[in-house]
Amino acid sequence: MKTAILVLALAAALPQAAKAETLSYTFIEVGYADNDYNNSMFGNFDGVYASGSVNFGDSGFFAAGSYKPTSGDIFGSSGYDIDNTSLGLGYHHAISDNLDFVGQLDYIHTKVNFGDNIDGYRVSAGIRSSFSEKFEGAVLGHYERMSDIDASDFRVSVEGQFKFNEVLGLVVGLEAGQRFEQDVLSYNVGLRASF
């Protein structure tokens, strides 16, 4: 019985998979982000963010950038800011009709109002897939090295996009791992316009 249900579910999904669209690497996105640090020093840091990407034709390469200003608490006191800016170059390659390998290298600049600014880089790799006309998702691993404080961090992110139409979509993301060698759980909700 369970096998029959599984076969029927797969058969029902096939028409959806056949209608899946090509993934877009040219977009702009704005939304809300929250970073929950699991330690006694940092509390929650949240704020708005903006990000975007521009695909370079059929080369597989794209440029990407983001800006995320956040505010939060340190040792229970409010009024602290952590602003993250990234600028990078990525590459995507089709594994199948609806599945891409994605790799990216970013320069990262972190501006804080309670100490020195921090610079570093991030290397990301994973997969991105279009499941249907309305839904796509991605899973990526991120290695981050912050040279000014000699910190190395690793995080994993999962992201999904529900498309209202060919241009506009709702994006929800979750990321877990370390930042500044502190455990952090982050999520974001935003609107993406793809071109």
Protein backbone atom coordinates (compact mmCIF):
# COMPACT_ATOMS: atom_id res chain seq x y z
CA MET A 1 0.00 0.00 0.00
CA LYS A 2 2.78 2.45 0.94
CA THR A 3 4.59 1.66 -2.33
CA ALA A 4 1.43 2.34 -4.34
CA ILE A 5 0.93 5.70 -2.60
CA LEU A 6 4.56 6.63 -3.26
CA VAL A 7 4.25 5.71 -6.96
CA LEU A 8 1.05 7.77 -7.27
CA ALA A 9 2.70 10.74 -5.55
CA LEU A 10 5.68 10.58 -7.92
CA ALA A 11 3.41 10.27 -10.93
CA ALA A 12 1.46 13.33 -9.77
CA ALA A 13 4.69 15.29 -9.37
CA LEU A 14 6.00 14.50 -12.88
CA PRO A 15 3.79 16.99 -14.74
CA GLN A 16 4.87 19.68 -12.27
CA ALA A 17 8.54 18.84 -12.77
CA ALA A 18 8.11 18.97 -16.52
CA LYS A 19 6.73 22.52 -16.21
CA ALA A 20 9.57 23.78 -14.01
CA GLU A 21 11.20 26.92 -15.34
CA THR A 22 14.82 27.89 -15.81
CA LEU A 23 16.39 29.37 -12.69
CA SER A 24 17.04 33.11 -12.81
CA TYR A 25 20.37 34.53 -11.60
CA THR A 26 19.37 38.15 -12.21
CA PHE A 27 17.20 39.51 -9.40
CA ILE A 28 16.76 42.10 -6.67
CA GLU A 29 15.43 41.25 -3.21
CA VAL A 30 14.41 43.16 -0.08
CA GLY A 31 13.17 41.83 3.24
CA TYR A 32 13.55 41.28 6.98
CA ALA A 33 16.37 39.28 8.61
CA ASP A 34 16.89 38.04 12.18
CA ASN A 35 20.11 36.64 13.69
CA ASP A 36 19.72 34.80 17.00
CA TYR A 37 23.11 34.32 18.72
CA ASN A 38 23.12 31.48 21.24
CA ASN A 39 25.52 32.85 23.85
CA SER A 40 25.66 35.18 26.86
CA MET A 41 27.20 38.12 24.95
CA PHE A 42 25.11 38.70 21.82
CA GLY A 43 21.32 38.71 21.78
CA ASN A 44 19.08 38.96 18.73
CA PHE A 45 20.20 41.24 15.92
CA ASP A 46 17.56 42.02 13.34
CA GLY A 47 16.80 44.48 10.56
CA VAL A 48 16.05 44.89 6.87
CA TYR A 49 18.26 43.67 4.04
CA ALA A 50 18.72 44.18 0.32
CA SER A 51 20.46 41.81 -2.08
CA GLY A 52 20.82 41.25 -5.79
CA SER A 53 22.48 39.28 -8.53
CA VAL A 54 23.30 39.88 -12.20
CA ASN A 55 23.87 36.97 -14.59
CA PHE A 56 26.50 37.34 -17.33
CA GLY A 57 24.65 35.88 -20.31
CA ASP A 58 25.24 32.19 -21.00
CA SER A 59 28.69 32.11 -19.37
CA GLY A 60 27.43 30.64 -16.11
CA PHE A 61 29.02 33.48 -14.14
CA PHE A 62 27.12 36.05 -12.08
CA ALA A 63 27.89 38.94 -9.73
CA ALA A 64 26.10 39.21 -6.39
CA GLY A 65 25.92 41.63 -3.52
CA SER A 66 24.01 42.26 -0.31
CA TYR A 67 23.62 44.82 2.47
CA LYS A 68 22.14 43.90 5.86
CA PRO A 69 22.10 46.51 8.66
CA THR A 70 21.00 44.97 11.97
CA SER A 71 20.57 46.23 15.54
CA GLY A 72 20.49 44.29 18.79
CA ASP A 73 21.67 43.70 22.34
CA ILE A 74 25.06 42.95 23.86
CA PHE A 75 25.13 41.79 27.49
CA GLY A 76 21.48 42.90 27.72
CA SER A 77 22.13 46.49 26.61
CA SER A 78 20.53 47.77 23.40
CA GLY A 79 21.80 50.23 20.80
CA TYR A 80 24.42 48.08 19.07
CA ASP A 81 24.69 47.77 15.30
CA ILE A 82 26.21 45.11 13.04
CA ASP A 83 26.06 46.03 9.35
CA ASN A 84 27.12 43.35 6.86
CA THR A 85 28.05 44.09 3.25
CA SER A 86 29.08 41.44 0.73
CA LEU A 87 30.20 41.59 -2.89
CA GLY A 88 31.11 38.51 -4.88
CA LEU A 89 31.35 36.45 -8.03
CA GLY A 90 29.55 33.17 -8.57
CA TYR A 91 29.22 30.35 -11.08
CA HIS A 92 26.28 28.05 -11.83
CA HIS A 93 26.27 24.89 -13.93
CA ALA A 94 23.28 22.74 -14.87
CA ILE A 95 23.33 19.23 -13.41
CA SER A 96 19.95 18.44 -14.97
CA ASP A 97 17.06 20.40 -16.52
CA ASN A 98 15.87 21.71 -13.15
CA LEU A 99 18.95 21.39 -10.93
CA ASP A 100 22.06 23.60 -10.81
CA PHE A 101 25.36 23.43 -8.97
CA VAL A 102 26.15 26.88 -7.53
CA GLY A 103 29.50 28.16 -6.23
CA GLN A 104 30.30 31.66 -4.99
CA LEU A 105 33.21 33.67 -3.55
CA ASP A 106 32.39 36.86 -1.60
CA TYR A 107 34.32 39.67 0.00
CA ILE A 108 32.66 40.54 3.33
CA HIS A 109 32.83 43.80 5.28
CA THR A 110 31.28 43.99 8.74
CA LYS A 111 30.82 47.42 10.30
CA VAL A 112 30.12 47.62 14.04
CA ASN A 113 29.51 50.58 16.35
CA PHE A 114 31.20 48.95 19.35
CA GLY A 115 34.65 48.07 18.01
CA ASP A 116 36.77 47.75 14.91
CA ASN A 117 35.33 46.98 11.49
CA ILE A 118 35.95 43.43 10.28
CA ASP A 119 36.87 42.18 6.79
CA GLY A 120 36.95 38.67 5.40
CA TYR A 121 35.74 36.32 2.70
CA ARG A 122 33.12 33.61 2.26
CA VAL A 123 33.14 30.53 -0.01
CA SER A 124 29.75 28.96 -0.72
CA ALA A 125 28.73 25.84 -2.65
CA GLY A 126 25.54 23.87 -3.07
CA ILE A 127 22.56 23.14 -5.28
CA ARG A 128 19.57 25.13 -6.48
CA SER A 129 16.48 23.52 -8.00
CA SER A 130 13.24 24.55 -9.71
CA PHE A 131 10.59 22.09 -8.54
CA SER A 132 7.65 23.61 -10.41
CA GLU A 133 6.43 26.83 -12.02
CA LYS A 134 5.67 28.15 -8.53
CA PHE A 135 8.42 26.83 -6.27
CA GLU A 136 12.22 26.63 -6.19
CA GLY A 137 14.75 25.95 -3.44
CA ALA A 138 18.45 25.90 -2.60
CA VAL A 139 20.78 24.26 -0.08
CA LEU A 140 24.26 25.76 0.40
CA GLY A 141 27.27 25.32 2.67
CA HIS A 142 29.25 28.45 3.61
CA TYR A 143 32.83 28.73 4.90
CA GLU A 144 33.65 32.19 6.24
CA ARG A 145 37.04 33.54 7.28
CA MET A 146 37.24 36.87 9.12
CA SER A 147 40.90 37.90 8.96
CA ASP A 148 40.80 40.83 11.39
CA ILE A 149 39.68 38.66 14.31
CA ASP A 150 41.18 35.37 13.10
CA ALA A 151 37.79 33.61 13.10
CA SER A 152 36.69 30.76 10.83
CA ASP A 153 33.00 29.84 10.65
CA PHE A 154 30.85 27.29 8.83
CA ARG A 155 27.10 27.56 8.20
CA VAL A 156 24.44 25.74 6.19
CA SER A 157 21.52 27.56 4.58
CA VAL A 158 18.20 26.39 3.13
CA GLU A 159 16.07 28.71 1.01
CA GLY A 160 12.76 28.45 -0.78
CA GLN A 161 10.93 30.78 -3.14
CA PHE A 162 7.21 30.75 -3.89
CA LYS A 163 6.60 32.56 -7.19
CA PHE A 164 3.46 34.66 -7.52
CA ASN A 165 4.20 35.18 -11.21
CA GLU A 166 7.19 35.18 -13.59
CA VAL A 167 8.76 38.19 -11.84
CA LEU A 168 7.68 38.43 -8.18
CA GLY A 169 8.25 35.80 -5.50
CA LEU A 170 8.23 35.32 -1.71
CA VAL A 171 11.58 34.10 -0.35
CA VAL A 172 12.05 32.35 3.01
CA GLY A 173 15.52 31.32 4.23
CA LEU A 174 17.05 29.62 7.26
CA GLU A 175 20.76 29.48 8.11
CA ALA A 176 22.48 27.70 11.01
CA GLY A 177 26.10 27.46 12.15
CA GLN A 178 28.65 29.93 13.51
CA ARG A 179 29.37 33.63 13.08
CA PHE A 180 32.33 35.24 14.87
CA GLU A 181 32.84 31.70 16.27
CA GLN A 182 29.48 31.98 18.07
CA ASP A 183 26.48 29.71 17.39
CA VAL A 184 23.84 31.57 15.40
CA LEU A 185 20.47 30.73 13.87
CA SER A 186 19.32 33.18 11.20
CA TYR A 187 16.20 33.49 9.10
CA ASN A 188 14.98 35.91 6.46
CA VAL A 189 11.70 36.67 4.70
CA GLY A 190 11.67 38.84 1.60
CA LEU A 191 10.26 39.70 -1.79
CA ARG A 192 12.31 38.93 -4.90
CA ALA A 193 11.92 40.37 -8.40
CA SER A 194 13.58 38.12 -10.99
CA PHE A 195 14.44 39.22 -14.54
